[in-house]
């Protein structure tokens, strides 16, 4: 039986697979036109799997001779050694696939006598191949192109560019596809881009339809179904990131919902998500390694700063290249998916947060706000607001944090202290909307939803209220809590409301509102 794979390329005979048929059809159109192009995406996005799918299709077409290589191991090689190996592998693959050609002896002769093992020889080799076998259309596909030895990069790209410009169709080097994590056109090699004749194609995340197709394959083979809305939730939680989709599905089907006669429920999915968020894996390690180099802007984006998305800004371009930051519908930066938001939120949480909460509470007994089986959450949050304005400055002497993240991290620490005193659980749900962080406290069967935001003006404040109202109605909750932190009056303006606490009565829900001023902490 097939399974959801997260280790290496996906094989359709062993794993559930997203066919990406439309993308492959588009790539084939480009190849038919003789286009040279690059395909780029962050790690674990399915580039190698797509390459294998494309190669299989090309091998079935008599018009093309695909030569597929990987540069993964070459980054530390010397240029002569690299070029010799590169040319030798090209020659071997062309030789192996032309044994039945009418001019096979001549082809074997140029492979043996003038192999493409230097930049100059590469040019001569393909010009000669064009003369003796004009019907051959080589499609050169190079995976892990980022590992090209640096000093070989510009000569190779310049050679391919010149060959493309000086040879009209039909040409022996019919098409080149370079696959890596960065857009080759943006490389700065001391002159204008040496490969600006190439089309740049960014590999997208999975669409909802593709995630549904992936889950449908599982259902067809196991008969176990997904409850209504579960596959959509998988797509929402993961943002369609291929590794996350497959990993979440694998945990759900192999560790949580193992009784195949029962459908996979939202509760199963949340249990799997909890495990996924707690594990260590290469994807997360890569995420935090690149994010920590830009900790301050990442935290600002994470907690609600509206920073214009432009790839011409170097740090935005870098974070986008590694799949950390994307562009939202309004043209601002956002973290790529809710799981990454949670991982980054946890990673950057101050080590001193427990001490901060203890200083803030100052031995106050939070158990006073437990009545029977329920928490008096309205009073607990009121106390929090008072504590911040009274002792917040003292608490934050132990660790400075960017102002965008200050209040939300402090509230997380406060609620964590609460559940440790009274029992219960604290969960965080970071949504794709700008700056929306839901903190959910579960205590003896009761669920308390607390949405937090940064004050960005009255329009955003009211938008957040409407979002929380809709969320509560969807979840069947009648009461919610809305904590808004006011950190930058010179940037986002003064608070419109003088009343720091109030209750918003909506049609079906009541929302307790708390406006928490952080100005005293930084003055």
Protein backbone atom coordinates (compact mmCIF):
# COMPACT_ATOMS: atom_id res chain seq x y z
CA UNK A 1 0.00 0.00 0.00
CA UNK A 2 1.23 3.48 -0.81
CA UNK A 3 1.88 6.10 1.85
CA UNK A 4 2.46 9.84 2.34
CA UNK A 5 6.18 10.43 1.74
CA UNK A 6 8.33 13.18 3.26
CA UNK A 7 11.78 11.67 2.71
CA UNK A 8 13.24 12.28 -0.73
CA UNK A 9 11.55 12.29 -4.12
CA UNK A 10 8.03 10.90 -4.40
CA UNK A 11 7.50 7.74 -6.48
CA UNK A 12 4.02 7.16 -7.82
CA UNK A 13 4.28 3.40 -7.32
CA UNK A 14 5.12 3.78 -3.62
CA UNK A 15 3.64 7.09 -2.53
CA UNK A 16 0.54 9.24 -2.89
CA UNK A 17 1.49 11.93 -5.37
CA UNK A 18 0.23 15.25 -6.68
CA UNK A 19 0.52 14.92 -10.47
CA UNK A 20 0.87 18.69 -11.18
CA UNK A 21 -0.46 17.94 -14.65
CA UNK A 22 -1.15 21.56 -15.59
CA UNK A 23 2.36 22.68 -14.64
CA UNK A 24 3.97 19.82 -16.57
CA UNK A 25 1.84 20.67 -19.59
CA UNK A 26 3.06 24.28 -19.35
CA UNK A 27 6.69 23.12 -19.07
CA UNK A 28 6.26 20.87 -22.10
CA UNK A 29 4.93 23.84 -24.06
CA UNK A 30 8.06 25.78 -23.15
CA UNK A 31 10.25 22.86 -24.19
CA UNK A 32 8.45 22.53 -27.53
CA UNK A 33 9.23 26.20 -28.17
CA UNK A 34 12.90 25.59 -27.41
CA UNK A 35 12.79 27.81 -24.35
CA UNK A 36 15.61 28.00 -21.84
CA UNK A 37 14.11 28.45 -18.36
CA UNK A 38 14.70 28.14 -14.64
CA UNK A 39 12.38 26.50 -12.13
CA UNK A 40 12.94 27.64 -8.57
CA UNK A 41 11.41 27.04 -5.15
CA UNK A 42 12.50 26.60 -1.51
CA UNK A 43 13.68 23.26 -0.15
CA UNK A 44 11.18 20.39 0.15
CA UNK A 45 8.73 21.90 -2.33
CA UNK A 46 8.76 18.92 -4.70
CA UNK A 47 11.26 20.17 -7.29
CA UNK A 48 13.02 16.83 -7.70
CA UNK A 49 9.72 14.96 -7.83
CA UNK A 50 8.50 17.30 -10.56
CA UNK A 51 11.76 16.81 -12.43
CA UNK A 52 11.24 13.04 -12.42
CA UNK A 53 7.67 13.39 -13.64
CA UNK A 54 8.79 15.70 -16.45
CA UNK A 55 11.66 13.40 -17.45
CA UNK A 56 9.32 10.41 -17.68
CA UNK A 57 7.09 12.33 -20.06
CA UNK A 58 10.06 13.44 -22.19
CA UNK A 59 11.44 9.92 -22.43
CA UNK A 60 8.17 8.80 -23.99
CA UNK A 61 8.50 11.44 -26.72
CA UNK A 62 10.67 10.40 -29.64
CA UNK A 63 11.35 14.05 -30.54
CA UNK A 64 13.48 14.74 -27.46
CA UNK A 65 16.60 13.41 -25.80
CA UNK A 66 16.48 14.37 -22.10
CA UNK A 67 19.80 14.62 -20.26
CA UNK A 68 19.15 14.84 -16.53
CA UNK A 69 21.86 15.78 -14.05
CA UNK A 70 22.19 16.92 -10.44
CA UNK A 71 24.86 19.35 -9.26
CA UNK A 72 24.21 18.60 -5.59
CA UNK A 73 27.69 17.26 -4.82
CA UNK A 74 29.70 19.73 -6.92
CA UNK A 75 29.72 22.95 -4.86
CA UNK A 76 33.22 22.40 -3.43
CA UNK A 77 34.79 20.95 -6.59
CA UNK A 78 37.44 22.79 -8.60
CA UNK A 79 36.20 24.22 -11.90
CA UNK A 80 38.26 21.88 -14.16
CA UNK A 81 37.18 18.81 -12.21
CA UNK A 82 33.55 19.94 -12.23
CA UNK A 83 33.47 20.71 -15.96
CA UNK A 84 35.12 17.41 -16.79
CA UNK A 85 32.56 15.45 -14.76
CA UNK A 86 29.69 17.55 -16.15
CA UNK A 87 30.75 17.00 -19.76
CA UNK A 88 31.46 13.32 -19.24
CA UNK A 89 27.97 12.69 -17.86
CA UNK A 90 26.37 14.59 -20.76
CA UNK A 91 28.34 12.48 -23.23
CA UNK A 92 27.46 9.22 -21.50
CA UNK A 93 23.72 9.92 -21.46
CA UNK A 94 23.65 11.05 -25.10
CA UNK A 95 25.68 8.00 -26.10
CA UNK A 96 23.43 5.59 -24.19
CA UNK A 97 20.29 6.99 -25.79
CA UNK A 98 21.48 7.16 -29.41
CA UNK A 99 22.67 3.59 -29.94
CA UNK A 100 19.86 3.02 -32.46
CA UNK A 101 20.42 6.32 -34.30
CA UNK A 102 21.45 6.07 -37.95
CA UNK A 103 24.59 8.10 -37.22
CA UNK A 104 25.41 6.41 -33.93
CA UNK A 105 29.07 5.81 -34.88
CA UNK A 106 29.68 9.49 -35.60
CA UNK A 107 27.92 10.46 -32.36
CA UNK A 108 30.05 8.00 -30.39
CA UNK A 109 33.14 9.39 -32.11
CA UNK A 110 32.58 13.00 -30.97
CA UNK A 111 31.72 11.77 -27.47
CA UNK A 112 35.01 9.90 -27.33
CA UNK A 113 37.28 12.35 -29.15
CA UNK A 114 35.79 15.78 -28.32
CA UNK A 115 33.69 15.41 -25.16
CA UNK A 116 32.09 18.60 -23.75
CA UNK A 117 34.45 18.74 -20.75
CA UNK A 118 35.26 22.47 -20.86
CA UNK A 119 33.25 25.59 -21.67
CA UNK A 120 34.84 25.82 -25.13
CA UNK A 121 34.45 22.11 -25.81
CA UNK A 122 30.80 22.28 -24.75
CA UNK A 123 30.08 24.79 -27.53
CA UNK A 124 32.01 22.79 -30.15
CA UNK A 125 30.40 19.52 -29.12
CA UNK A 126 26.83 20.71 -29.65
CA UNK A 127 27.65 22.48 -32.92
CA UNK A 128 29.16 19.24 -34.25
CA UNK A 129 26.20 17.22 -32.95
CA UNK A 130 23.91 19.58 -34.85
CA UNK A 131 25.81 18.89 -38.07
CA UNK A 132 25.87 15.09 -37.84
CA UNK A 133 22.46 14.51 -36.22
CA UNK A 134 20.20 17.55 -36.83
CA UNK A 135 17.13 15.57 -35.74
CA UNK A 136 18.37 15.23 -32.13
CA UNK A 137 16.89 17.73 -29.69
CA UNK A 138 18.71 17.58 -26.38
CA UNK A 139 16.79 18.82 -23.34
CA UNK A 140 19.36 19.50 -20.62
CA UNK A 141 17.76 19.35 -17.16
CA UNK A 142 19.97 20.28 -14.17
CA UNK A 143 18.73 19.81 -10.62
CA UNK A 144 20.37 21.55 -7.62
CA UNK A 145 21.89 24.16 -9.92
CA UNK A 146 22.64 26.33 -6.85
CA UNK A 147 25.53 23.98 -6.07
CA UNK A 148 27.45 24.99 -9.23
CA UNK A 149 31.01 25.98 -8.28
CA UNK A 150 30.94 29.77 -8.11
CA UNK A 151 33.72 30.40 -10.61
CA UNK A 152 32.08 28.14 -13.18
CA UNK A 153 28.69 29.83 -12.92
CA UNK A 154 29.16 32.88 -15.11
CA UNK A 155 31.07 31.11 -17.94
CA UNK A 156 28.40 28.41 -18.16
CA UNK A 157 25.47 30.83 -18.20
CA UNK A 158 27.21 33.09 -20.74
CA UNK A 159 27.93 30.13 -23.02
CA UNK A 160 24.33 28.92 -22.92
CA UNK A 161 23.03 32.43 -23.51
CA UNK A 162 25.25 32.94 -26.55
CA UNK A 163 24.43 29.50 -27.93
CA UNK A 164 20.72 30.28 -27.64
CA UNK A 165 21.06 33.67 -29.37
CA UNK A 166 23.31 32.52 -32.21
CA UNK A 167 21.58 29.26 -33.14
CA UNK A 168 18.10 29.32 -34.56
CA UNK A 169 15.74 26.35 -34.58
CA UNK A 170 16.32 23.52 -34.95
CA UNK A 171 19.33 23.42 -32.63
CA UNK A 172 20.92 20.43 -30.92
CA UNK A 173 20.84 22.02 -27.45
CA UNK A 174 17.11 22.50 -27.82
CA UNK A 175 16.14 23.47 -24.28
CA UNK A 176 17.81 23.99 -20.88
CA UNK A 177 16.00 23.72 -17.55
CA UNK A 178 17.83 24.85 -14.41
CA UNK A 179 16.26 23.86 -11.09
CA UNK A 180 17.21 25.37 -7.73
CA UNK A 181 16.09 27.48 -4.80
CA UNK A 182 16.77 30.88 -6.30
CA UNK A 183 15.77 32.81 -9.38
CA UNK A 184 18.83 32.61 -11.66
CA UNK A 185 17.87 35.92 -13.29
CA UNK A 186 18.58 37.75 -10.01
CA UNK A 187 22.17 36.53 -9.70
CA UNK A 188 24.66 39.38 -9.44
CA UNK A 189 27.81 38.28 -11.24
CA UNK A 190 29.32 41.70 -11.78
CA UNK A 191 27.49 42.43 -15.02
CA UNK A 192 24.00 42.19 -16.47
CA UNK A 193 22.40 38.80 -15.97
CA UNK A 194 24.21 36.24 -18.16
CA UNK A 195 21.02 34.20 -18.48
CA UNK A 196 18.41 36.88 -19.13
CA UNK A 197 17.08 35.01 -22.16
CA UNK A 198 15.50 32.45 -19.85
CA UNK A 199 11.97 32.39 -18.52
CA UNK A 200 11.73 32.23 -14.71
CA UNK A 201 9.11 29.87 -13.25
CA UNK A 202 8.43 29.68 -9.52
CA UNK A 203 7.13 26.32 -8.32
CA UNK A 204 3.87 27.00 -6.46
CA UNK A 205 2.54 25.36 -3.32
CA UNK A 206 -0.25 22.79 -3.61
CA UNK A 207 -3.70 24.14 -4.38
CA UNK A 208 -6.76 23.04 -2.40
CA UNK A 209 -7.80 20.84 -5.33
CA UNK A 210 -4.39 19.13 -5.32
CA UNK A 211 -4.54 18.44 -1.57
CA UNK A 212 -8.03 17.01 -2.04
CA UNK A 213 -6.74 14.80 -4.88
CA UNK A 214 -3.89 13.57 -2.67
CA UNK A 215 -6.29 12.64 0.13
CA UNK A 216 -8.68 11.05 -2.37
CA UNK A 217 -5.91 8.67 -3.46
CA UNK A 218 -5.54 7.59 0.18
CA UNK A 219 -9.29 7.06 0.55
CA UNK A 220 -9.50 5.05 -2.68
CA UNK A 221 -6.79 2.65 -1.50
CA UNK A 222 -7.73 2.32 2.19
CA UNK A 223 -11.51 3.10 2.12
CA UNK A 224 -10.96 5.44 5.09
CA UNK A 225 -12.66 8.77 4.43
CA UNK A 226 -11.99 12.30 5.61
CA UNK A 227 -14.83 14.06 7.43
CA UNK A 228 -16.29 17.12 5.73
CA UNK A 229 -13.87 20.04 5.78
CA UNK A 230 -10.81 18.10 6.98
CA UNK A 231 -8.91 18.17 3.68
CA UNK A 232 -9.65 21.89 3.37
CA UNK A 233 -8.28 22.38 6.86
CA UNK A 234 -5.10 20.49 5.92
CA UNK A 235 -4.60 22.94 3.08
CA UNK A 236 -5.31 25.95 5.31
CA UNK A 237 -3.01 24.85 8.12
CA UNK A 238 -0.10 23.99 5.82
CA UNK A 239 -0.61 26.69 3.21
CA UNK A 240 -0.20 23.90 0.67
CA UNK A 241 3.51 23.54 1.45
CA UNK A 242 4.23 20.03 0.05
CA UNK A 243 6.36 18.72 2.92
CA UNK A 244 3.91 19.98 5.55
CA UNK A 245 0.91 18.56 3.67
CA UNK A 246 2.46 15.11 3.44
CA UNK A 247 3.87 15.14 6.97
CA UNK A 248 0.57 16.20 8.54
CA UNK A 249 -1.30 13.59 6.50
CA UNK A 250 1.25 10.92 7.44
CA UNK A 251 0.95 11.58 11.18
CA UNK A 252 -2.85 11.70 10.92
CA UNK A 253 -3.19 8.40 9.05
CA UNK A 254 -0.30 6.42 10.55
CA UNK A 255 -0.30 7.53 14.21
CA UNK A 256 -3.68 9.07 15.09
CA UNK A 257 -6.60 7.81 12.99
CA UNK A 258 -5.41 4.23 12.65
CA UNK A 259 -8.87 2.61 12.70
CA UNK A 260 -9.59 2.49 8.98
CA UNK A 261 -13.32 1.90 9.44
CA UNK A 262 -13.74 5.32 11.07
CA UNK A 263 -13.52 8.62 9.20
CA UNK A 264 -10.68 11.05 9.90
CA UNK A 265 -12.16 13.86 11.99
CA UNK A 266 -11.15 17.42 12.86
CA UNK A 267 -10.19 16.13 16.32
CA UNK A 268 -7.82 13.60 14.68
CA UNK A 269 -6.29 16.36 12.58
CA UNK A 270 -5.75 18.64 15.59
CA UNK A 271 -4.08 15.79 17.48
CA UNK A 272 -1.77 15.21 14.51
CA UNK A 273 -1.06 18.93 14.26
CA UNK A 274 -0.09 19.00 17.93
CA UNK A 275 2.47 16.26 17.28
CA UNK A 276 3.75 17.95 14.14
CA UNK A 277 4.31 21.23 15.98
CA UNK A 278 6.32 19.50 18.70
CA UNK A 279 8.63 17.44 16.50
CA UNK A 280 12.03 18.38 15.12
CA UNK A 281 12.66 17.99 11.42
CA UNK A 282 14.92 19.31 8.69
CA UNK A 283 12.20 21.59 7.35
CA UNK A 284 11.88 23.44 10.66
CA UNK A 285 15.65 23.57 11.15
CA UNK A 286 16.04 25.20 7.74
CA UNK A 287 13.19 27.60 8.51
CA UNK A 288 14.63 28.93 11.77
CA UNK A 289 18.21 28.97 10.47
CA UNK A 290 17.27 31.46 7.77
CA UNK A 291 14.71 33.37 9.85
CA UNK A 292 17.03 34.08 12.77
CA UNK A 293 19.29 36.15 10.51
CA UNK A 294 16.38 38.59 10.20
CA UNK A 295 14.81 38.18 13.64
CA UNK A 296 13.50 41.70 14.09
CA UNK A 297 11.60 42.03 10.78
CA UNK A 298 10.34 38.45 11.05
CA UNK A 299 8.93 39.18 14.50
CA UNK A 300 7.37 42.39 13.28
CA UNK A 301 5.64 40.55 10.44
CA UNK A 302 4.68 37.69 12.74
CA UNK A 303 2.91 40.00 15.15
CA UNK A 304 1.16 42.36 12.80
CA UNK A 305 3.50 44.92 11.23
CA UNK A 306 2.30 45.89 7.76
CA UNK A 307 5.52 45.88 5.74
CA UNK A 308 5.23 46.34 1.99
CA UNK A 309 6.21 43.22 0.06
CA UNK A 310 8.86 43.91 -2.56
CA UNK A 311 11.46 41.44 -3.76
CA UNK A 312 13.82 44.34 -4.44
CA UNK A 313 14.30 44.67 -0.67
CA UNK A 314 17.19 42.26 -0.01
CA UNK A 315 15.94 40.71 3.25
CA UNK A 316 12.44 40.23 1.83
CA UNK A 317 13.87 38.62 -1.28
CA UNK A 318 15.98 36.26 0.83
CA UNK A 319 13.12 35.27 3.15
CA UNK A 320 10.83 34.73 0.15
CA UNK A 321 13.48 32.60 -1.59
CA UNK A 322 13.55 30.31 1.45
CA UNK A 323 9.75 30.08 1.64
CA UNK A 324 9.39 32.04 4.88
CA UNK A 325 7.68 35.23 3.70
CA UNK A 326 5.06 35.64 0.99
CA UNK A 327 2.82 38.45 -0.24
CA UNK A 328 -0.70 38.77 1.12
CA UNK A 329 -3.75 39.97 -0.81
CA UNK A 330 -3.07 43.60 0.16
CA UNK A 331 0.56 43.57 -0.99
CA UNK A 332 2.11 43.24 2.48
CA UNK A 333 4.51 40.65 3.89
CA UNK A 334 3.14 37.66 5.73
CA UNK A 335 4.63 34.43 7.07
CA UNK A 336 4.02 31.68 4.52
CA UNK A 337 1.63 29.47 6.49
CA UNK A 338 0.12 29.02 9.97
CA UNK A 339 2.50 26.18 10.91
CA UNK A 340 5.56 28.32 10.15
CA UNK A 341 4.01 31.12 12.19
CA UNK A 342 3.67 28.83 15.17
CA UNK A 343 7.19 27.39 14.83
CA UNK A 344 8.73 30.87 14.54
CA UNK A 345 6.60 32.20 17.38
CA UNK A 346 7.83 29.41 19.65
CA UNK A 347 11.43 29.71 18.45
CA UNK A 348 11.70 33.43 19.13
CA UNK A 349 9.83 33.35 22.44
CA UNK A 350 12.23 34.75 25.06
CA UNK A 351 13.86 32.21 27.33
CA UNK A 352 13.06 34.59 30.16
CA UNK A 353 9.30 34.59 29.48
CA UNK A 354 8.59 32.54 32.62
CA UNK A 355 10.52 35.07 34.69
CA UNK A 356 8.69 37.93 32.97
CA UNK A 357 5.32 36.42 33.85
CA UNK A 358 6.39 35.85 37.45
CA UNK A 359 7.55 39.46 37.78
CA UNK A 360 4.34 40.68 36.18
CA UNK A 361 2.05 38.66 38.47
CA UNK A 362 4.22 39.26 41.56
CA UNK A 363 2.94 36.21 43.49
CA UNK A 364 -0.71 36.94 42.72
CA UNK A 365 -2.81 33.77 43.11
CA UNK A 366 -4.57 33.26 39.77
CA UNK A 367 -6.61 30.43 41.30
CA UNK A 368 -8.86 33.10 42.82
CA UNK A 369 -10.47 33.38 39.40
CA UNK A 370 -11.62 29.77 39.19
CA UNK A 371 -15.29 29.22 40.00
CA UNK A 372 -16.40 25.61 39.91
CA UNK A 373 -15.33 24.18 36.55
CA UNK A 374 -14.94 27.55 34.86
CA UNK A 375 -12.34 30.29 34.59
CA UNK A 376 -13.34 33.91 35.07
CA UNK A 377 -11.43 34.78 31.91
CA UNK A 378 -12.80 38.31 31.76
CA UNK A 379 -11.32 39.05 35.19
CA UNK A 380 -8.05 37.27 34.42
CA UNK A 381 -7.52 39.42 31.31
CA UNK A 382 -8.49 42.54 33.23
CA UNK A 383 -5.80 41.67 35.76
CA UNK A 384 -3.33 41.13 32.96
CA UNK A 385 -3.97 44.61 31.57
CA UNK A 386 -3.50 46.12 35.01
CA UNK A 387 -0.30 44.14 35.62
CA UNK A 388 1.20 45.30 32.30
CA UNK A 389 0.55 48.98 33.04
CA UNK A 390 1.77 48.62 36.63
CA UNK A 391 4.77 46.29 36.34
CA UNK A 392 5.39 45.76 32.64
CA UNK A 393 8.51 47.91 32.56
CA UNK A 394 10.10 45.92 35.36
CA UNK A 395 9.22 42.63 33.70
CA UNK A 396 10.86 43.63 30.42
CA UNK A 397 14.14 44.66 31.97
CA UNK A 398 15.17 41.02 31.75
CA UNK A 399 14.95 40.89 27.94
CA UNK A 400 14.29 43.51 25.27
CA UNK A 401 11.96 42.53 22.46
CA UNK A 402 10.73 44.34 19.36
CA UNK A 403 7.63 46.30 20.26
CA UNK A 404 5.44 44.44 17.78
CA UNK A 405 6.00 41.19 19.71
CA UNK A 406 6.12 42.52 23.28
CA UNK A 407 2.50 42.30 24.35
CA UNK A 408 1.63 39.03 22.67
CA UNK A 409 4.62 37.17 24.08
CA UNK A 410 3.86 38.54 27.54
CA UNK A 411 0.23 37.43 27.31
CA UNK A 412 1.33 33.96 26.20
CA UNK A 413 3.64 33.75 29.23
CA UNK A 414 0.87 34.98 31.56
CA UNK A 415 -1.64 32.41 30.31
CA UNK A 416 0.98 29.68 30.46
CA UNK A 417 1.53 30.56 34.13
CA UNK A 418 -2.24 30.42 34.60
CA UNK A 419 -2.65 26.89 33.24
CA UNK A 420 0.29 25.71 35.31
CA UNK A 421 -1.38 27.06 38.46
CA UNK A 422 -4.92 25.84 37.81
CA UNK A 423 -4.47 23.03 35.29
CA UNK A 424 -5.71 22.96 31.72
CA UNK A 425 -4.00 23.53 28.38
CA UNK A 426 -2.88 26.51 26.32
CA UNK A 427 -2.84 26.37 22.52
CA UNK A 428 -1.89 28.95 19.96
CA UNK A 429 -3.46 29.28 16.53
CA UNK A 430 -1.72 31.70 14.21
CA UNK A 431 -3.86 32.54 11.19
CA UNK A 432 -2.88 33.81 7.76
CA UNK A 433 -4.41 37.24 8.40
CA UNK A 434 -2.03 40.05 9.35
CA UNK A 435 -1.08 39.84 12.99
CA UNK A 436 -3.94 37.60 14.15
CA UNK A 437 -2.86 35.31 16.98
CA UNK A 438 -5.48 33.22 18.76
CA UNK A 439 -4.64 31.92 22.20
CA UNK A 440 -6.96 29.15 23.30
CA UNK A 441 -7.22 28.07 26.92
CA UNK A 442 -8.98 24.75 27.58
CA UNK A 443 -10.07 24.09 31.16
CA UNK A 444 -12.31 21.21 32.25
CA UNK A 445 -14.15 21.02 28.96
CA UNK A 446 -14.49 24.79 28.52
CA UNK A 447 -12.75 26.58 25.65
CA UNK A 448 -11.72 30.25 25.90
CA UNK A 449 -10.75 31.94 22.62
CA UNK A 450 -8.53 35.01 22.95
CA UNK A 451 -7.60 36.90 19.80
CA UNK A 452 -4.71 39.34 19.97
CA UNK A 453 -3.72 42.14 17.63
CA UNK A 454 -1.52 45.20 17.44
CA UNK A 455 -3.33 48.55 17.28
CA UNK A 456 -3.08 49.74 13.67
CA UNK A 457 -5.90 52.26 13.79
CA UNK A 458 -9.66 52.12 14.15
CA UNK A 459 -10.34 50.46 10.78
CA UNK A 460 -8.07 47.48 11.53
CA UNK A 461 -9.44 47.30 15.08
CA UNK A 462 -13.01 46.95 13.83
CA UNK A 463 -11.93 44.48 11.15
CA UNK A 464 -10.43 42.31 13.88
CA UNK A 465 -13.68 42.43 15.85
CA UNK A 466 -15.59 41.24 12.79
CA UNK A 467 -13.08 38.44 12.19
CA UNK A 468 -13.37 37.22 15.77
CA UNK A 469 -17.17 37.39 15.61
CA UNK A 470 -17.19 35.22 12.49
CA UNK A 471 -14.70 32.77 13.98
CA UNK A 472 -16.71 32.39 17.18
CA UNK A 473 -19.91 31.75 15.23
CA UNK A 474 -18.17 29.15 13.09
CA UNK A 475 -16.84 27.39 16.19
CA UNK A 476 -20.19 27.53 17.99
CA UNK A 477 -18.79 29.80 20.73
CA UNK A 478 -20.93 32.57 22.28
CA UNK A 479 -18.14 34.43 24.13
CA UNK A 480 -14.72 35.58 22.94
CA UNK A 481 -11.91 37.86 24.10
CA UNK A 482 -10.12 40.52 22.06
CA UNK A 483 -6.81 41.87 23.42
CA UNK A 484 -5.32 44.76 21.45
CA UNK A 485 -1.84 46.07 22.22
CA UNK A 486 -1.01 49.73 21.67
CA UNK A 487 2.75 50.06 21.21
CA UNK A 488 3.50 52.80 18.65
CA UNK A 489 1.29 55.89 18.96
CA UNK A 490 3.59 57.93 16.71
CA UNK A 491 3.22 55.33 13.95
CA UNK A 492 -0.36 54.08 14.26
CA UNK A 493 -1.98 56.99 16.12
CA UNK A 494 -3.50 57.35 19.55
CA UNK A 495 -6.21 55.07 20.86
CA UNK A 496 -9.65 56.15 19.71
CA UNK A 497 -11.27 54.84 22.87
CA UNK A 498 -10.76 56.17 26.38
CA UNK A 499 -12.37 53.09 27.93
CA UNK A 500 -9.71 50.38 28.19
CA UNK A 501 -12.18 47.54 28.79
CA UNK A 502 -15.68 46.96 27.50
CA UNK A 503 -18.04 44.32 26.13
CA UNK A 504 -19.16 44.32 22.50
CA UNK A 505 -22.62 42.74 22.20
CA UNK A 506 -23.07 41.28 18.74
CA UNK A 507 -26.00 39.39 17.25
CA UNK A 508 -24.95 35.95 18.44
CA UNK A 509 -21.79 36.54 20.49
CA UNK A 510 -20.33 38.74 23.18
CA UNK A 511 -16.74 39.93 22.86
CA UNK A 512 -14.76 41.24 25.82
CA UNK A 513 -12.37 43.95 24.60
CA UNK A 514 -9.12 44.95 26.33
CA UNK A 515 -6.90 47.79 25.12
CA UNK A 516 -3.44 47.30 26.62
CA UNK A 517 -1.05 50.26 26.54
CA UNK A 518 2.61 49.29 26.23
CA UNK A 519 4.03 52.81 26.07
CA UNK A 520 5.20 52.80 29.68
CA UNK A 521 7.42 49.76 29.02
CA UNK A 522 9.53 51.65 26.47
CA UNK A 523 9.53 55.14 27.99
